[in-house]
Amino acid sequence: MLKKTDGIVLSYLRYQETSIITKVFTRDFGLKSYIINGVRSSKAKSKMALYQPLTILEMVVYEKENANINRISEAKLRQAFQTIPFDFYKSGIAMFMAEVLSKSIYESYQNEDLFDFLVQTIAFLDSEEVYLSHFPIVFLWETSKYLGFSPDNARGFFEEIQENITNQMDWGKEMQSLNMIIDQSFACREKIPSKTRRDLLDHMLLLYSKHLDFNGDWKSVKVLRQLM
């Protein structure tokens, strides 16, 4: 049955010679996998640019219950990026966000509030007003609220991750910075030393790995650390 929905592209894999399989977090049906035939050929009607990570689409899809892979009847941009593809820093953050979401959202998981939050967050990243220095950390903190494992406050955060860290650490600077981020969210423009930001990012990802039962590497973090 044909259904309309909006979706956020998270990733894609090449399939056979000219096709791809893309994972899209849809507003109405949750995370879905779609096969796009012939999109990598020179004569393709649909363009690969539509399926780059974090692209927001308006779609008409074939929705079949219990199908592992579905198909897209129509897809077009809901909003075109103005700055993300042309800004190395923003592109790195977008890559990081897509990886985090790919590891955090399971198949068919639906959460309209999370979807709406992500659309607003992506639009803000694409805007000229965004403050990038703290963006990855704020994104992780705010997203954890929708995923259901956000600690109540900064102290609770450090108490939770302490059990996963073998060496004793002084959380003073990090806790002070995290409190500012919690209070001000994406509006926070307070100066935070680069080492503190890197440590906060690592500890946020430790929280995610713990709750997602993920023991692998966050591949995009290497690029992000260099940017930070």
N, C-alpha and C. Protein backbone atom coordinates (compact mmCIF):
# COMPACT_ATOMS: atom_id res chain seq x y z
N MET A 1 0.84 -1.19 0.00
CA MET A 1 0.00 0.00 0.00
C MET A 1 0.88 1.25 0.00
N LEU A 2 0.53 2.23 -0.82
CA LEU A 2 1.29 3.47 -0.89
C LEU A 2 0.96 4.38 0.28
N LYS A 3 1.99 4.90 0.92
CA LYS A 3 1.83 5.80 2.06
C LYS A 3 2.76 7.00 1.91
N LYS A 4 2.31 8.16 2.40
CA LYS A 4 3.16 9.35 2.42
C LYS A 4 3.81 9.48 3.79
N THR A 5 5.06 9.90 3.80
CA THR A 5 5.75 10.15 5.05
C THR A 5 6.98 11.00 4.77
N ASP A 6 7.50 11.63 5.80
CA ASP A 6 8.79 12.32 5.71
C ASP A 6 9.85 11.41 6.31
N GLY A 7 11.08 11.59 5.87
CA GLY A 7 12.14 10.73 6.38
C GLY A 7 13.48 11.42 6.43
N ILE A 8 14.35 10.95 7.32
CA ILE A 8 15.73 11.43 7.45
C ILE A 8 16.65 10.28 7.05
N VAL A 9 17.44 10.49 6.02
CA VAL A 9 18.36 9.45 5.57
C VAL A 9 19.49 9.31 6.59
N LEU A 10 19.76 8.07 7.01
CA LEU A 10 20.85 7.83 7.95
C LEU A 10 22.09 7.24 7.28
N SER A 11 21.88 6.35 6.31
CA SER A 11 23.03 5.72 5.66
C SER A 11 22.56 5.00 4.40
N TYR A 12 23.53 4.55 3.61
CA TYR A 12 23.19 3.69 2.48
C TYR A 12 24.36 2.75 2.20
N LEU A 13 24.04 1.62 1.59
CA LEU A 13 25.03 0.64 1.16
C LEU A 13 24.84 0.40 -0.33
N ARG A 14 25.96 0.26 -1.04
CA ARG A 14 25.85 -0.09 -2.45
C ARG A 14 25.33 -1.52 -2.59
N TYR A 15 24.46 -1.70 -3.58
CA TYR A 15 23.87 -3.02 -3.81
C TYR A 15 23.92 -3.31 -5.30
N GLN A 16 24.55 -4.45 -5.62
CA GLN A 16 24.77 -4.83 -7.00
C GLN A 16 25.49 -3.70 -7.75
N GLU A 17 25.30 -3.59 -9.06
CA GLU A 17 26.12 -2.65 -9.83
C GLU A 17 25.63 -1.20 -9.75
N THR A 18 24.31 -1.00 -9.70
CA THR A 18 23.80 0.37 -9.82
C THR A 18 22.80 0.75 -8.72
N SER A 19 22.56 -0.12 -7.78
CA SER A 19 21.51 0.13 -6.79
C SER A 19 22.10 0.41 -5.41
N ILE A 20 21.26 0.85 -4.49
CA ILE A 20 21.65 1.03 -3.09
C ILE A 20 20.53 0.52 -2.18
N ILE A 21 20.89 0.23 -0.95
CA ILE A 21 19.92 -0.01 0.11
C ILE A 21 20.15 1.08 1.15
N THR A 22 19.13 1.87 1.39
CA THR A 22 19.28 3.01 2.29
C THR A 22 18.42 2.82 3.54
N LYS A 23 18.95 3.28 4.67
CA LYS A 23 18.19 3.28 5.92
C LYS A 23 17.65 4.69 6.14
N VAL A 24 16.34 4.78 6.35
CA VAL A 24 15.68 6.07 6.51
C VAL A 24 14.83 6.03 7.78
N PHE A 25 15.03 7.03 8.64
CA PHE A 25 14.20 7.16 9.83
C PHE A 25 12.97 7.97 9.44
N THR A 26 11.83 7.30 9.29
CA THR A 26 10.62 7.97 8.85
C THR A 26 9.80 8.43 10.05
N ARG A 27 9.02 9.46 9.83
CA ARG A 27 8.19 9.99 10.92
C ARG A 27 7.05 9.04 11.27
N ASP A 28 6.49 8.38 10.28
CA ASP A 28 5.28 7.59 10.50
C ASP A 28 5.53 6.10 10.71
N PHE A 29 6.64 5.59 10.18
CA PHE A 29 6.86 4.14 10.24
C PHE A 29 8.15 3.75 10.95
N GLY A 30 8.86 4.74 11.47
CA GLY A 30 10.11 4.44 12.16
C GLY A 30 11.25 4.20 11.19
N LEU A 31 12.28 3.50 11.65
CA LEU A 31 13.45 3.22 10.83
C LEU A 31 13.12 2.12 9.82
N LYS A 32 13.35 2.42 8.55
CA LYS A 32 13.04 1.47 7.48
C LYS A 32 14.22 1.36 6.51
N SER A 33 14.31 0.21 5.87
CA SER A 33 15.30 -0.01 4.82
C SER A 33 14.59 -0.01 3.48
N TYR A 34 15.15 0.71 2.52
CA TYR A 34 14.55 0.80 1.19
C TYR A 34 15.60 0.48 0.14
N ILE A 35 15.22 -0.28 -0.87
CA ILE A 35 16.09 -0.53 -2.00
C ILE A 35 15.76 0.47 -3.11
N ILE A 36 16.80 1.10 -3.65
CA ILE A 36 16.63 2.08 -4.73
C ILE A 36 17.36 1.51 -5.94
N ASN A 37 16.63 1.02 -6.90
CA ASN A 37 17.23 0.38 -8.06
C ASN A 37 17.76 1.40 -9.06
N GLY A 38 18.95 1.14 -9.58
CA GLY A 38 19.50 1.91 -10.68
C GLY A 38 19.91 3.33 -10.35
N VAL A 39 19.94 3.70 -9.08
CA VAL A 39 20.19 5.10 -8.72
C VAL A 39 21.63 5.52 -9.02
N ARG A 40 22.53 4.55 -9.14
CA ARG A 40 23.94 4.87 -9.40
C ARG A 40 24.29 4.83 -10.89
N SER A 41 23.28 4.63 -11.72
CA SER A 41 23.53 4.63 -13.16
C SER A 41 23.41 6.05 -13.71
N SER A 42 24.00 6.28 -14.87
CA SER A 42 23.99 7.62 -15.47
C SER A 42 22.60 8.03 -15.93
N LYS A 43 21.71 7.06 -16.15
CA LYS A 43 20.37 7.35 -16.64
C LYS A 43 19.31 7.34 -15.52
N ALA A 44 19.77 7.33 -14.27
CA ALA A 44 18.84 7.22 -13.15
C ALA A 44 17.91 8.44 -13.07
N LYS A 45 16.65 8.17 -12.79
CA LYS A 45 15.68 9.26 -12.59
C LYS A 45 15.90 9.90 -11.21
N SER A 46 16.15 9.05 -10.23
CA SER A 46 16.42 9.54 -8.87
C SER A 46 17.92 9.76 -8.71
N LYS A 47 18.33 10.77 -7.96
CA LYS A 47 19.72 11.13 -7.82
C LYS A 47 20.30 10.67 -6.48
N MET A 48 21.58 10.30 -6.50
CA MET A 48 22.25 9.87 -5.28
C MET A 48 22.26 10.96 -4.21
N ALA A 49 22.21 12.22 -4.63
CA ALA A 49 22.24 13.32 -3.67
C ALA A 49 21.08 13.25 -2.69
N LEU A 50 19.98 12.60 -3.09
CA LEU A 50 18.82 12.48 -2.20
C LEU A 50 19.10 11.57 -1.02
N TYR A 51 20.10 10.72 -1.12
CA TYR A 51 20.30 9.68 -0.12
C TYR A 51 21.60 9.85 0.66
N GLN A 52 22.09 11.09 0.70
CA GLN A 52 23.24 11.40 1.55
C GLN A 52 22.76 11.53 3.00
N PRO A 53 23.61 11.15 3.97
CA PRO A 53 23.21 11.19 5.38
C PRO A 53 22.65 12.53 5.83
N LEU A 54 21.55 12.47 6.54
CA LEU A 54 20.81 13.58 7.14
C LEU A 54 19.96 14.36 6.14
N THR A 55 19.92 13.91 4.88
CA THR A 55 18.99 14.53 3.94
C THR A 55 17.56 14.28 4.40
N ILE A 56 16.73 15.30 4.35
CA ILE A 56 15.34 15.19 4.79
C ILE A 56 14.45 15.12 3.55
N LEU A 57 13.65 14.06 3.47
CA LEU A 57 12.88 13.78 2.27
C LEU A 57 11.38 13.78 2.53
N GLU A 58 10.64 14.15 1.50
CA GLU A 58 9.21 13.86 1.44
C GLU A 58 9.06 12.64 0.53
N MET A 59 8.39 11.60 1.03
CA MET A 59 8.39 10.34 0.30
C MET A 59 6.98 9.76 0.15
N VAL A 60 6.82 9.00 -0.91
CA VAL A 60 5.68 8.09 -1.06
C VAL A 60 6.30 6.69 -1.11
N VAL A 61 5.93 5.84 -0.17
CA VAL A 61 6.58 4.55 -0.05
C VAL A 61 5.58 3.41 -0.11
N TYR A 62 6.08 2.25 -0.51
CA TYR A 62 5.29 1.03 -0.43
C TYR A 62 5.50 0.46 0.97
N GLU A 63 4.45 0.47 1.77
CA GLU A 63 4.56 0.02 3.16
C GLU A 63 3.91 -1.36 3.31
N LYS A 64 4.76 -2.36 3.55
CA LYS A 64 4.28 -3.72 3.77
C LYS A 64 4.71 -4.17 5.16
N GLU A 65 3.76 -4.67 5.93
CA GLU A 65 4.08 -5.15 7.27
C GLU A 65 5.04 -6.33 7.19
N ASN A 66 6.01 -6.34 8.12
CA ASN A 66 6.96 -7.44 8.27
C ASN A 66 7.92 -7.59 7.10
N ALA A 67 7.94 -6.62 6.16
CA ALA A 67 8.91 -6.67 5.07
C ALA A 67 10.24 -6.10 5.54
N ASN A 68 11.33 -6.83 5.29
CA ASN A 68 12.65 -6.36 5.71
C ASN A 68 13.13 -5.18 4.88
N ILE A 69 12.80 -5.20 3.60
CA ILE A 69 13.19 -4.12 2.69
C ILE A 69 11.97 -3.69 1.89
N ASN A 70 11.71 -2.39 1.87
CA ASN A 70 10.59 -1.85 1.11
C ASN A 70 11.12 -1.02 -0.06
N ARG A 71 10.20 -0.40 -0.79
CA ARG A 71 10.58 0.42 -1.94
C ARG A 71 9.96 1.81 -1.81
N ILE A 72 10.63 2.75 -2.45
CA ILE A 72 10.17 4.14 -2.48
C ILE A 72 9.57 4.42 -3.86
N SER A 73 8.34 4.89 -3.87
CA SER A 73 7.69 5.25 -5.14
C SER A 73 8.13 6.63 -5.61
N GLU A 74 8.15 7.59 -4.67
CA GLU A 74 8.56 8.95 -4.99
C GLU A 74 9.38 9.51 -3.83
N ALA A 75 10.35 10.34 -4.17
CA ALA A 75 11.15 11.01 -3.14
C ALA A 75 11.61 12.36 -3.65
N LYS A 76 11.46 13.38 -2.80
CA LYS A 76 11.97 14.71 -3.14
C LYS A 76 12.45 15.40 -1.87
N LEU A 77 13.28 16.39 -2.04
CA LEU A 77 13.81 17.11 -0.88
C LEU A 77 12.70 17.84 -0.15
N ARG A 78 12.66 17.67 1.16
CA ARG A 78 11.76 18.49 1.97
C ARG A 78 12.37 19.87 2.17
N GLN A 79 13.68 19.89 2.37
CA GLN A 79 14.40 21.16 2.47
C GLN A 79 15.83 20.93 2.00
N ALA A 80 16.30 21.79 1.12
CA ALA A 80 17.65 21.66 0.57
C ALA A 80 18.67 22.28 1.51
N PHE A 81 19.82 21.64 1.69
CA PHE A 81 20.88 22.19 2.52
C PHE A 81 21.47 23.43 1.87
N GLN A 82 21.76 24.43 2.71
CA GLN A 82 22.37 25.67 2.24
C GLN A 82 23.86 25.75 2.57
N THR A 83 24.27 25.12 3.67
CA THR A 83 25.66 25.27 4.10
C THR A 83 26.36 23.94 4.41
N ILE A 84 25.64 22.92 4.86
CA ILE A 84 26.27 21.68 5.34
C ILE A 84 27.21 21.05 4.31
N PRO A 85 26.80 20.90 3.04
CA PRO A 85 27.70 20.24 2.08
C PRO A 85 28.95 21.05 1.74
N PHE A 86 28.94 22.35 2.06
CA PHE A 86 30.02 23.24 1.65
C PHE A 86 30.91 23.67 2.82
N ASP A 87 30.62 23.15 4.00
CA ASP A 87 31.36 23.51 5.21
C ASP A 87 31.95 22.23 5.79
N PHE A 88 33.28 22.14 5.81
CA PHE A 88 33.94 20.91 6.25
C PHE A 88 33.57 20.56 7.69
N TYR A 89 33.49 21.55 8.55
CA TYR A 89 33.16 21.34 9.96
C TYR A 89 31.73 20.82 10.09
N LYS A 90 30.80 21.46 9.39
CA LYS A 90 29.41 21.03 9.47
C LYS A 90 29.22 19.64 8.86
N SER A 91 29.93 19.36 7.78
CA SER A 91 29.84 18.04 7.16
C SER A 91 30.34 16.95 8.11
N GLY A 92 31.41 17.26 8.85
CA GLY A 92 31.93 16.30 9.82
C GLY A 92 30.93 16.05 10.94
N ILE A 93 30.27 17.11 11.42
CA ILE A 93 29.26 16.97 12.46
C ILE A 93 28.07 16.16 11.94
N ALA A 94 27.66 16.43 10.70
CA ALA A 94 26.54 15.69 10.11
C ALA A 94 26.87 14.21 10.00
N MET A 95 28.10 13.88 9.61
CA MET A 95 28.52 12.49 9.53
C MET A 95 28.45 11.83 10.91
N PHE A 96 28.90 12.57 11.92
CA PHE A 96 28.86 12.07 13.29
C PHE A 96 27.43 11.85 13.75
N MET A 97 26.55 12.80 13.50
CA MET A 97 25.15 12.66 13.90
C MET A 97 24.51 11.43 13.25
N ALA A 98 24.79 11.25 11.95
CA ALA A 98 24.21 10.11 11.24
C ALA A 98 24.69 8.79 11.83
N GLU A 99 25.97 8.72 12.21
CA GLU A 99 26.48 7.48 12.80
C GLU A 99 25.84 7.22 14.16
N VAL A 100 25.72 8.26 14.98
CA VAL A 100 25.09 8.10 16.29
C VAL A 100 23.66 7.60 16.14
N LEU A 101 22.92 8.20 15.23
CA LEU A 101 21.52 7.80 15.03
C LEU A 101 21.41 6.39 14.47
N SER A 102 22.33 6.02 13.57
CA SER A 102 22.31 4.68 12.99
C SER A 102 22.52 3.61 14.06
N LYS A 103 23.32 3.94 15.06
CA LYS A 103 23.59 2.97 16.13
C LYS A 103 22.55 3.04 17.25
N SER A 104 21.77 4.12 17.29
CA SER A 104 20.83 4.33 18.40
C SER A 104 19.40 3.91 18.07
N ILE A 105 19.05 3.92 16.79
CA ILE A 105 17.66 3.66 16.39
C ILE A 105 17.57 2.29 15.75
N TYR A 106 16.74 1.44 16.28
CA TYR A 106 16.62 0.09 15.74
C TYR A 106 15.48 0.01 14.72
N GLU A 107 15.48 -1.06 13.96
CA GLU A 107 14.54 -1.23 12.85
C GLU A 107 13.09 -1.09 13.33
N SER A 108 12.32 -0.31 12.61
CA SER A 108 10.89 -0.05 12.83
C SER A 108 10.63 0.81 14.08
N TYR A 109 11.69 1.25 14.78
CA TYR A 109 11.49 2.12 15.94
C TYR A 109 10.87 3.44 15.49
N GLN A 110 9.74 3.80 16.09
CA GLN A 110 9.04 5.03 15.72
C GLN A 110 8.98 5.98 16.91
N ASN A 111 9.30 7.23 16.67
CA ASN A 111 9.25 8.24 17.72
C ASN A 111 9.08 9.59 17.03
N GLU A 112 7.84 10.05 16.92
CA GLU A 112 7.56 11.29 16.21
C GLU A 112 8.24 12.49 16.86
N ASP A 113 8.30 12.49 18.19
CA ASP A 113 8.95 13.61 18.90
C ASP A 113 10.44 13.65 18.56
N LEU A 114 11.09 12.50 18.53
CA LEU A 114 12.50 12.45 18.16
C LEU A 114 12.67 12.91 16.72
N PHE A 115 11.81 12.46 15.83
CA PHE A 115 11.91 12.86 14.43
C PHE A 115 11.81 14.38 14.30
N ASP A 116 10.83 14.97 14.94
CA ASP A 116 10.64 16.43 14.84
C ASP A 116 11.83 17.18 15.42
N PHE A 117 12.35 16.68 16.54
CA PHE A 117 13.54 17.29 17.14
C PHE A 117 14.73 17.23 16.17
N LEU A 118 14.91 16.10 15.51
CA LEU A 118 16.04 15.94 14.59
C LEU A 118 15.90 16.87 13.38
N VAL A 119 14.69 17.02 12.86
CA VAL A 119 14.48 17.93 11.74
C VAL A 119 14.87 19.36 12.13
N GLN A 120 14.46 19.78 13.32
CA GLN A 120 14.81 21.12 13.80
C GLN A 120 16.31 21.25 14.03
N THR A 121 16.93 20.21 14.56
CA THR A 121 18.36 20.24 14.85
C THR A 121 19.18 20.29 13.57
N ILE A 122 18.79 19.51 12.57
CA ILE A 122 19.49 19.52 11.28
C ILE A 122 19.36 20.89 10.62
N ALA A 123 18.16 21.46 10.67
CA ALA A 123 17.95 22.79 10.10
C ALA A 123 18.81 23.83 10.81
N PHE A 124 18.95 23.69 12.13
CA PHE A 124 19.78 24.63 12.88
C PHE A 124 21.25 24.48 12.52
N LEU A 125 21.71 23.24 12.36
CA LEU A 125 23.09 23.00 11.93
C LEU A 125 23.34 23.64 10.57
N ASP A 126 22.35 23.64 9.71
CA ASP A 126 22.48 24.19 8.36
C ASP A 126 22.40 25.71 8.32
N SER A 127 22.00 26.32 9.44
CA SER A 127 21.79 27.77 9.47
C SER A 127 23.09 28.52 9.71
N GLU A 128 23.03 29.82 9.53
CA GLU A 128 24.19 30.67 9.76
C GLU A 128 24.36 31.02 11.23
N GLU A 129 23.30 30.84 12.02
CA GLU A 129 23.31 31.26 13.42
C GLU A 129 23.93 30.22 14.36
N VAL A 130 24.16 29.01 13.87
CA VAL A 130 24.59 27.92 14.74
C VAL A 130 25.99 28.18 15.31
N TYR A 131 26.18 27.80 16.57
CA TYR A 131 27.48 27.85 17.22
C TYR A 131 28.01 26.43 17.26
N LEU A 132 29.09 26.15 16.53
CA LEU A 132 29.49 24.78 16.27
C LEU A 132 30.34 24.14 17.36
N SER A 133 31.03 24.93 18.16
CA SER A 133 32.01 24.37 19.09
C SER A 133 31.41 23.32 20.02
N HIS A 134 30.20 23.58 20.53
CA HIS A 134 29.59 22.66 21.49
C HIS A 134 28.52 21.77 20.85
N PHE A 135 28.29 21.95 19.56
CA PHE A 135 27.14 21.31 18.91
C PHE A 135 27.10 19.79 19.11
N PRO A 136 28.20 19.05 18.87
CA PRO A 136 28.12 17.59 19.03
C PRO A 136 27.74 17.16 20.45
N ILE A 137 28.25 17.87 21.45
CA ILE A 137 27.95 17.51 22.84
C ILE A 137 26.49 17.80 23.15
N VAL A 138 26.01 18.97 22.73
CA VAL A 138 24.61 19.32 22.97
C VAL A 138 23.70 18.32 22.25
N PHE A 139 24.07 17.97 21.02
CA PHE A 139 23.27 16.99 20.27
C PHE A 139 23.15 15.67 21.02
N LEU A 140 24.27 15.18 21.55
CA LEU A 140 24.24 13.91 22.28
C LEU A 140 23.38 14.02 23.53
N TRP A 141 23.51 15.11 24.26
CA TRP A 141 22.73 15.28 25.49
C TRP A 141 21.24 15.36 25.19
N GLU A 142 20.87 16.20 24.24
CA GLU A 142 19.45 16.39 23.93
C GLU A 142 18.83 15.13 23.33
N THR A 143 19.57 14.45 22.48
CA THR A 143 19.04 13.23 21.85
C THR A 143 18.84 12.12 22.88
N SER A 144 19.72 12.05 23.88
CA SER A 144 19.58 11.01 24.91
C SER A 144 18.26 11.13 25.67
N LYS A 145 17.70 12.34 25.72
CA LYS A 145 16.40 12.53 26.38
C LYS A 145 15.31 11.76 25.63
N TYR A 146 15.35 11.84 24.29
CA TYR A 146 14.34 11.16 23.48
C TYR A 146 14.56 9.65 23.44
N LEU A 147 15.81 9.24 23.62
CA LEU A 147 16.12 7.81 23.60
C LEU A 147 15.86 7.16 24.96
N GLY A 148 15.64 7.99 25.98
CA GLY A 148 15.22 7.46 27.28
C GLY A 148 16.30 7.13 28.27
N PHE A 149 17.54 7.60 28.06
CA PHE A 149 18.57 7.30 29.05
C PHE A 149 19.35 8.53 29.50
N SER A 150 18.77 9.70 29.37
CA SER A 150 19.44 10.92 29.82
C SER A 150 19.44 11.00 31.34
N PRO A 151 20.59 11.19 31.98
CA PRO A 151 20.62 11.41 33.44
C PRO A 151 19.87 12.70 33.80
N ASP A 152 19.50 12.82 35.05
CA ASP A 152 18.74 14.00 35.49
C ASP A 152 19.56 15.28 35.45
N ASN A 153 20.85 15.17 35.70
CA ASN A 153 21.70 16.35 35.76
C ASN A 153 23.16 15.94 35.54
N ALA A 154 24.05 16.93 35.58
CA ALA A 154 25.46 16.66 35.31
C ALA A 154 26.06 15.72 36.35
N ARG A 155 25.70 15.91 37.62
CA ARG A 155 26.24 15.02 38.66
C ARG A 155 25.80 13.58 38.42
N GLY A 156 24.55 13.41 38.07
CA GLY A 156 24.05 12.07 37.78
C GLY A 156 24.76 11.44 36.60
N PHE A 157 25.10 12.27 35.61
CA PHE A 157 25.82 11.78 34.44
C PHE A 157 27.17 11.21 34.84
N PHE A 158 27.94 11.96 35.63
CA PHE A 158 29.27 11.50 35.99
C PHE A 158 29.23 10.33 36.97
N GLU A 159 28.23 10.29 37.81
CA GLU A 159 28.08 9.14 38.70
C GLU A 159 27.80 7.87 37.89
N GLU A 160 27.05 8.03 36.80
CA GLU A 160 26.69 6.85 35.99
C GLU A 160 27.88 6.31 35.21
N ILE A 161 28.69 7.20 34.64
CA ILE A 161 29.80 6.70 33.83
C ILE A 161 31.01 6.31 34.66
N GLN A 162 31.06 6.74 35.93
CA GLN A 162 32.22 6.46 36.78
C GLN A 162 32.53 4.98 36.84
N GLU A 163 31.48 4.14 36.90
CA GLU A 163 31.69 2.70 37.03
C GLU A 163 32.35 2.09 35.80
N ASN A 164 32.37 2.82 34.69
CA ASN A 164 32.99 2.32 33.46
C ASN A 164 34.38 2.90 33.22
N ILE A 165 34.86 3.68 34.17
CA ILE A 165 36.19 4.29 34.06
C ILE A 165 37.06 3.78 35.20
N THR A 166 38.22 3.21 34.84
CA THR A 166 39.06 2.56 35.85
C THR A 166 39.86 3.56 36.68
N ASN A 167 40.34 4.65 36.06
CA ASN A 167 41.18 5.60 36.81
C ASN A 167 40.32 6.70 37.43
N GLN A 168 40.71 7.16 38.58
CA GLN A 168 40.01 8.22 39.28
C GLN A 168 40.23 9.55 38.57
N MET A 169 39.17 10.30 38.37
CA MET A 169 39.29 11.57 37.64
C MET A 169 38.61 12.70 38.41
N ASP A 170 39.09 13.90 38.14
CA ASP A 170 38.46 15.10 38.70
C ASP A 170 37.48 15.64 37.67
N TRP A 171 36.17 15.60 38.03
CA TRP A 171 35.14 15.99 37.08
C TRP A 171 34.82 17.49 37.13
N GLY A 172 35.57 18.27 37.91
CA GLY A 172 35.19 19.66 38.16
C GLY A 172 34.92 20.49 36.91
N LYS A 173 35.92 20.57 36.02
CA LYS A 173 35.78 21.41 34.83
C LYS A 173 34.69 20.87 33.90
N GLU A 174 34.68 19.55 33.74
CA GLU A 174 33.66 18.94 32.87
C GLU A 174 32.26 19.16 33.42
N MET A 175 32.10 19.01 34.73
CA MET A 175 30.78 19.16 35.32
C MET A 175 30.29 20.60 35.18
N GLN A 176 31.18 21.55 35.39
CA GLN A 176 30.81 22.95 35.24
C GLN A 176 30.37 23.24 33.80
N SER A 177 31.13 22.72 32.83
CA SER A 177 30.81 22.94 31.41
C SER A 177 29.51 22.24 31.03
N LEU A 178 29.31 21.02 31.52
CA LEU A 178 28.10 20.29 31.19
C LEU A 178 26.87 20.98 31.78
N ASN A 179 27.01 21.53 32.97
CA ASN A 179 25.89 22.28 33.56
C ASN A 179 25.49 23.45 32.69
N MET A 180 26.47 24.15 32.11
CA MET A 180 26.16 25.27 31.21
C MET A 180 25.43 24.76 29.97
N ILE A 181 25.89 23.64 29.44
CA ILE A 181 25.28 23.07 28.24
C ILE A 181 23.85 22.61 28.52
N ILE A 182 23.65 21.99 29.67
CA ILE A 182 22.31 21.53 30.04
C ILE A 182 21.37 22.72 30.18
N ASP A 183 21.85 23.79 30.81
CA ASP A 183 21.00 24.97 31.04
C ASP A 183 20.68 25.72 29.76
N GLN A 184 21.64 25.81 28.84
CA GLN A 184 21.49 26.67 27.67
C GLN A 184 21.27 25.92 26.36
N SER A 185 21.51 24.63 26.35
CA SER A 185 21.33 23.78 25.17
C SER A 185 22.08 24.36 23.97
N PHE A 186 21.45 24.42 22.78
CA PHE A 186 22.14 24.88 21.58
C PHE A 186 22.45 26.38 21.63
N ALA A 187 21.87 27.10 22.57
CA ALA A 187 22.15 28.53 22.69
C ALA A 187 23.45 28.81 23.45
N CYS A 188 24.06 27.79 24.00
CA CYS A 188 25.27 27.98 24.80
C CYS A 188 26.43 28.44 23.92
N ARG A 189 27.01 29.58 24.28
CA ARG A 189 28.16 30.12 23.56
C ARG A 189 29.31 30.41 24.52
N GLU A 190 29.22 29.86 25.72
CA GLU A 190 30.29 30.05 26.69
C GLU A 190 31.56 29.35 26.20
N LYS A 191 32.71 29.95 26.48
CA LYS A 191 33.96 29.33 26.06
C LYS A 191 34.28 28.12 26.94
N ILE A 192 34.56 27.02 26.27
CA ILE A 192 34.92 25.78 26.96
C ILE A 192 36.24 25.32 26.35
N PRO A 193 37.27 25.06 27.17
CA PRO A 193 38.57 24.62 26.62
C PRO A 193 38.41 23.39 25.74
N SER A 194 39.23 23.31 24.69
CA SER A 194 39.09 22.22 23.72
C SER A 194 39.29 20.85 24.38
N LYS A 195 40.21 20.74 25.34
CA LYS A 195 40.40 19.45 26.02
C LYS A 195 39.16 19.05 26.79
N THR A 196 38.52 20.01 27.45
CA THR A 196 37.29 19.71 28.19
C THR A 196 36.20 19.26 27.25
N ARG A 197 36.10 19.90 26.08
CA ARG A 197 35.08 19.51 25.10
C ARG A 197 35.35 18.10 24.58
N ARG A 198 36.61 17.79 24.30
CA ARG A 198 36.94 16.45 23.81
C ARG A 198 36.64 15.39 24.87
N ASP A 199 36.97 15.71 26.13
CA ASP A 199 36.69 14.76 27.21
C ASP A 199 35.19 14.56 27.40
N LEU A 200 34.43 15.65 27.32
CA LEU A 200 32.97 15.55 27.43
C LEU A 200 32.39 14.70 26.31
N LEU A 201 32.91 14.90 25.10
CA LEU A 201 32.43 14.10 23.97
C LEU A 201 32.70 12.63 24.21
N ASP A 202 33.91 12.29 24.65
CA ASP A 202 34.26 10.90 24.90
C ASP A 202 33.36 10.29 25.98
N HIS A 203 33.09 11.06 27.02
CA HIS A 203 32.29 10.54 28.12
C HIS A 203 30.81 10.42 27.73
N MET A 204 30.35 11.32 26.88
CA MET A 204 28.98 11.19 26.36
C MET A 204 28.83 9.91 25.55
N LEU A 205 29.84 9.63 24.71
CA LEU A 205 29.80 8.42 23.90
C LEU A 205 29.91 7.18 24.76
N LEU A 206 30.59 7.29 25.89
CA LEU A 206 30.64 6.18 26.83
C LEU A 206 29.24 5.87 27.37
N LEU A 207 28.48 6.93 27.65
CA LEU A 207 27.10 6.75 28.11
C LEU A 207 26.27 6.06 27.03
N TYR A 208 26.42 6.50 25.78
CA TYR A 208 25.67 5.89 24.68
C TYR A 208 26.06 4.42 24.51
N SER A 209 27.36 4.14 24.51
CA SER A 209 27.81 2.75 24.34
C SER A 209 27.25 1.85 25.43
N LYS A 210 27.19 2.38 26.63
CA LYS A 210 26.68 1.60 27.75
C LYS A 210 25.21 1.26 27.56
N HIS A 211 24.40 2.23 27.19
CA HIS A 211 22.96 2.01 27.09
C HIS A 211 22.57 1.30 25.79
N LEU A 212 23.40 1.44 24.77
CA LEU A 212 23.11 0.77 23.50
C LEU A 212 23.77 -0.59 23.40
N ASP A 213 24.53 -0.95 24.44
CA ASP A 213 25.25 -2.22 24.45
C ASP A 213 26.14 -2.32 23.21
N PHE A 214 26.87 -1.23 22.97
CA PHE A 214 27.72 -1.14 21.79
C PHE A 214 29.18 -1.11 22.24
N ASN A 215 29.97 -2.05 21.72
CA ASN A 215 31.37 -2.16 22.14
C ASN A 215 32.36 -1.82 21.03
N GLY A 216 31.87 -1.36 19.89
CA GLY A 216 32.75 -1.04 18.78
C GLY A 216 33.27 0.38 18.82
N ASP A 217 33.87 0.78 17.70
CA ASP A 217 34.43 2.13 17.58
C ASP A 217 33.41 3.07 16.93
N TRP A 218 33.45 4.32 17.35
CA TRP A 218 32.68 5.37 16.69
C TRP A 218 33.58 5.94 15.60
N LYS A 219 33.35 5.52 14.36
CA LYS A 219 34.29 5.80 13.28
C LYS A 219 34.42 7.29 12.97
N SER A 220 33.33 8.02 13.05
CA SER A 220 33.37 9.44 12.67
C SER A 220 34.01 10.32 13.74
N VAL A 221 34.27 9.76 14.91
CA VAL A 221 34.79 10.58 16.02
C VAL A 221 36.22 11.03 15.75
N LYS A 222 36.97 10.24 15.02
CA LYS A 222 38.37 10.63 14.72
C LYS A 222 38.40 11.95 13.98
N VAL A 223 37.51 12.10 13.00
CA VAL A 223 37.44 13.35 12.25
C VAL A 223 36.93 14.47 13.16
N LEU A 224 35.92 14.15 13.96
CA LEU A 224 35.31 15.15 14.82
C LEU A 224 36.31 15.68 15.86
N ARG A 225 37.13 14.81 16.41
CA ARG A 225 38.14 15.25 17.39
C ARG A 225 39.11 16.22 16.78
N GLN A 226 39.47 15.98 15.53
CA GLN A 226 40.38 16.91 14.86
C GLN A 226 39.72 18.27 14.66
N LEU A 227 38.42 18.25 14.34
CA LEU A 227 37.69 19.50 14.15
C LEU A 227 37.54 20.26 15.45
N MET A 228 37.40 19.51 16.57
CA MET A 228 37.20 20.14 17.87
C MET A 228 38.51 20.65 18.45
